Amino acid sequence: MVYQITIDQGNYVEQKNVDALRMGMTQEQVQYVLGTPMLVDPSYPKTWNYIFYVKPGHEKPEQKNLFLNFDDQGRLVSMSGDFKQGPNFTTPMN
């Protein structure tokens, strides 16, 4: 068997980081918690894409996605993807 290196790409996001997100957070606050998004499509600038891909050697690759949507004022309004909303997500920021 030939050695194959582990390949990591994108944003490493854990559920504990997602648990810190709350509706109404500013884009700056979200970026502080999760880092810079991997992709912000110019056609949809209010949607941030956090994508993590890992292929550990000979094992099956894994990809996790987190999509965050902001309103016109740059406040977090929804999330979707492979992570659960945190217990306080729907509690708006003051």
C-alpha atoms as a PDB file:
ATOM      1  CA  MET A   1       0.000   0.000   0.000  1.00  0.00           C
ATOM      2  CA  VAL A   2       1.313   3.416  -0.970  1.00  0.00           C
ATOM      3  CA  TYR A   3       1.142   6.180   1.651  1.00  0.00           C
ATOM      4  CA  GLN A   4      -1.352   8.929   0.860  1.00  0.00           C
ATOM      5  CA  ILE A   5      -1.357  12.210   2.718  1.00  0.00           C
ATOM      6  CA  THR A   6      -4.438  13.694   4.337  1.00  0.00           C
ATOM      7  CA  ILE A   7      -5.848  16.582   2.319  1.00  0.00           C
ATOM      8  CA  ASP A   8      -7.726  19.361   4.154  1.00  0.00           C
ATOM      9  CA  GLN A   9      -9.368  22.229   2.292  1.00  0.00           C
ATOM     10  CA  GLY A  10     -11.648  25.060   3.312  1.00  0.00           C
ATOM     11  CA  ASN A  11     -12.937  26.246   6.668  1.00  0.00           C
ATOM     12  CA  TYR A  12     -12.635  23.896   9.638  1.00  0.00           C
ATOM     13  CA  VAL A  13     -15.891  24.479  11.532  1.00  0.00           C
ATOM     14  CA  GLU A  14     -17.011  22.603  14.639  1.00  0.00           C
ATOM     15  CA  GLN A  15     -20.498  22.391  16.118  1.00  0.00           C
ATOM     16  CA  LYS A  16     -19.312  24.328  19.192  1.00  0.00           C
ATOM     17  CA  ASN A  17     -18.519  27.288  16.905  1.00  0.00           C
ATOM     18  CA  VAL A  18     -21.927  27.045  15.226  1.00  0.00           C
ATOM     19  CA  ASP A  19     -23.535  26.933  18.692  1.00  0.00           C
ATOM     20  CA  ALA A  20     -22.156  30.447  19.303  1.00  0.00           C
ATOM     21  CA  LEU A  21     -24.093  31.906  16.345  1.00  0.00           C
ATOM     22  CA  ARG A  22     -27.242  33.915  17.040  1.00  0.00           C
ATOM     23  CA  MET A  23     -29.766  35.630  14.824  1.00  0.00           C
ATOM     24  CA  GLY A  24     -28.982  39.310  14.499  1.00  0.00           C
ATOM     25  CA  MET A  25     -25.203  38.947  14.721  1.00  0.00           C
ATOM     26  CA  THR A  26     -23.318  41.278  12.407  1.00  0.00           C
ATOM     27  CA  GLN A  27     -21.114  39.936   9.645  1.00  0.00           C
ATOM     28  CA  GLU A  28     -18.089  41.060  11.665  1.00  0.00           C
ATOM     29  CA  GLN A  29     -19.260  39.084  14.709  1.00  0.00           C
ATOM     30  CA  VAL A  30     -19.855  35.975  12.598  1.00  0.00           C
ATOM     31  CA  GLN A  31     -16.428  36.328  11.013  1.00  0.00           C
ATOM     32  CA  TYR A  32     -14.869  36.600  14.491  1.00  0.00           C
ATOM     33  CA  VAL A  33     -16.508  33.286  15.506  1.00  0.00           C
ATOM     34  CA  LEU A  34     -16.031  31.298  12.271  1.00  0.00           C
ATOM     35  CA  GLY A  35     -13.314  33.079  10.324  1.00  0.00           C
ATOM     36  CA  THR A  36     -13.494  34.321   6.761  1.00  0.00           C
ATOM     37  CA  PRO A  37     -16.023  32.419   4.615  1.00  0.00           C
ATOM     38  CA  MET A  38     -14.582  30.200   1.909  1.00  0.00           C
ATOM     39  CA  LEU A  39     -16.969  31.560  -0.702  1.00  0.00           C
ATOM     40  CA  VAL A  40     -19.152  34.627  -1.111  1.00  0.00           C
ATOM     41  CA  ASP A  41     -20.776  34.470  -4.544  1.00  0.00           C
ATOM     42  CA  PRO A  42     -20.926  37.947  -6.148  1.00  0.00           C
ATOM     43  CA  SER A  43     -24.450  37.106  -7.347  1.00  0.00           C
ATOM     44  CA  TYR A  44     -25.549  36.351  -3.753  1.00  0.00           C
ATOM     45  CA  PRO A  45     -23.382  38.538  -1.481  1.00  0.00           C
ATOM     46  CA  LYS A  46     -25.735  38.105   1.485  1.00  0.00           C
ATOM     47  CA  THR A  47     -24.980  34.358   1.614  1.00  0.00           C
ATOM     48  CA  TRP A  48     -21.710  33.157   3.113  1.00  0.00           C
ATOM     49  CA  ASN A  49     -20.480  29.627   2.406  1.00  0.00           C
ATOM     50  CA  TYR A  50     -18.272  27.778   4.869  1.00  0.00           C
ATOM     51  CA  ILE A  51     -17.121  24.550   3.239  1.00  0.00           C
ATOM     52  CA  PHE A  52     -14.721  22.001   4.704  1.00  0.00           C
ATOM     53  CA  TYR A  53     -13.379  19.026   2.771  1.00  0.00           C
ATOM     54  CA  VAL A  54     -11.044  16.379   4.143  1.00  0.00           C
ATOM     55  CA  LYS A  55      -9.682  13.234   2.515  1.00  0.00           C
ATOM     56  CA  PRO A  56      -7.739  11.258   5.111  1.00  0.00           C
ATOM     57  CA  GLY A  57      -5.273   9.037   3.226  1.00  0.00           C
ATOM     58  CA  HIS A  58      -7.073   5.968   1.907  1.00  0.00           C
ATOM     59  CA  GLU A  59     -10.335   6.726   3.701  1.00  0.00           C
ATOM     60  CA  LYS A  60     -13.562   8.074   2.257  1.00  0.00           C
ATOM     61  CA  PRO A  61     -13.570  11.884   1.787  1.00  0.00           C
ATOM     62  CA  GLU A  62     -15.899  13.990   3.911  1.00  0.00           C
ATOM     63  CA  GLN A  63     -17.385  17.399   3.173  1.00  0.00           C
ATOM     64  CA  LYS A  64     -19.334  19.613   5.571  1.00  0.00           C
ATOM     65  CA  ASN A  65     -21.197  22.734   4.483  1.00  0.00           C
ATOM     66  CA  LEU A  66     -22.547  25.692   6.414  1.00  0.00           C
ATOM     67  CA  PHE A  67     -24.533  28.398   4.624  1.00  0.00           C
ATOM     68  CA  LEU A  68     -25.317  31.662   6.412  1.00  0.00           C
ATOM     69  CA  ASN A  69     -27.784  34.274   5.171  1.00  0.00           C
ATOM     70  CA  PHE A  70     -27.746  37.951   6.105  1.00  0.00           C
ATOM     71  CA  ASP A  71     -30.338  40.699   5.680  1.00  0.00           C
ATOM     72  CA  ASP A  72     -29.793  44.073   3.980  1.00  0.00           C
ATOM     73  CA  GLN A  73     -28.256  45.483   7.178  1.00  0.00           C
ATOM     74  CA  GLY A  74     -25.701  42.654   7.348  1.00  0.00           C
ATOM     75  CA  ARG A  75     -27.404  40.828  10.234  1.00  0.00           C
ATOM     76  CA  LEU A  76     -27.565  37.028  10.401  1.00  0.00           C
ATOM     77  CA  VAL A  77     -31.090  35.778   9.652  1.00  0.00           C
ATOM     78  CA  SER A  78     -30.762  32.056   8.873  1.00  0.00           C
ATOM     79  CA  MET A  79     -28.429  29.124   8.491  1.00  0.00           C
ATOM     80  CA  SER A  80     -28.531  25.779   6.708  1.00  0.00           C
ATOM     81  CA  GLY A  81     -26.225  22.917   5.840  1.00  0.00           C
ATOM     82  CA  ASP A  82     -24.705  20.023   7.762  1.00  0.00           C
ATOM     83  CA  PHE A  83     -24.731  21.626  11.217  1.00  0.00           C
ATOM     84  CA  LYS A  84     -27.577  21.965  13.723  1.00  0.00           C
ATOM     85  CA  GLN A  85     -28.652  25.373  14.922  1.00  0.00           C
ATOM     86  CA  GLY A  86     -27.305  26.080  18.376  1.00  0.00           C
ATOM     87  CA  PRO A  87     -29.728  26.194  21.315  1.00  0.00           C
ATOM     88  CA  ASN A  88     -29.642  30.012  21.379  1.00  0.00           C
ATOM     89  CA  PHE A  89     -29.657  30.652  17.622  1.00  0.00           C
ATOM     90  CA  THR A  90     -33.190  32.039  17.557  1.00  0.00           C
ATOM     91  CA  THR A  91     -32.534  34.302  20.551  1.00  0.00           C
ATOM     92  CA  PRO A  92     -31.741  37.611  18.832  1.00  0.00           C
ATOM     93  CA  MET A  93     -28.678  39.656  19.735  1.00  0.00           C
ATOM     94  CA  ASN A  94     -29.494  42.872  21.618  1.00  0.00           C
END
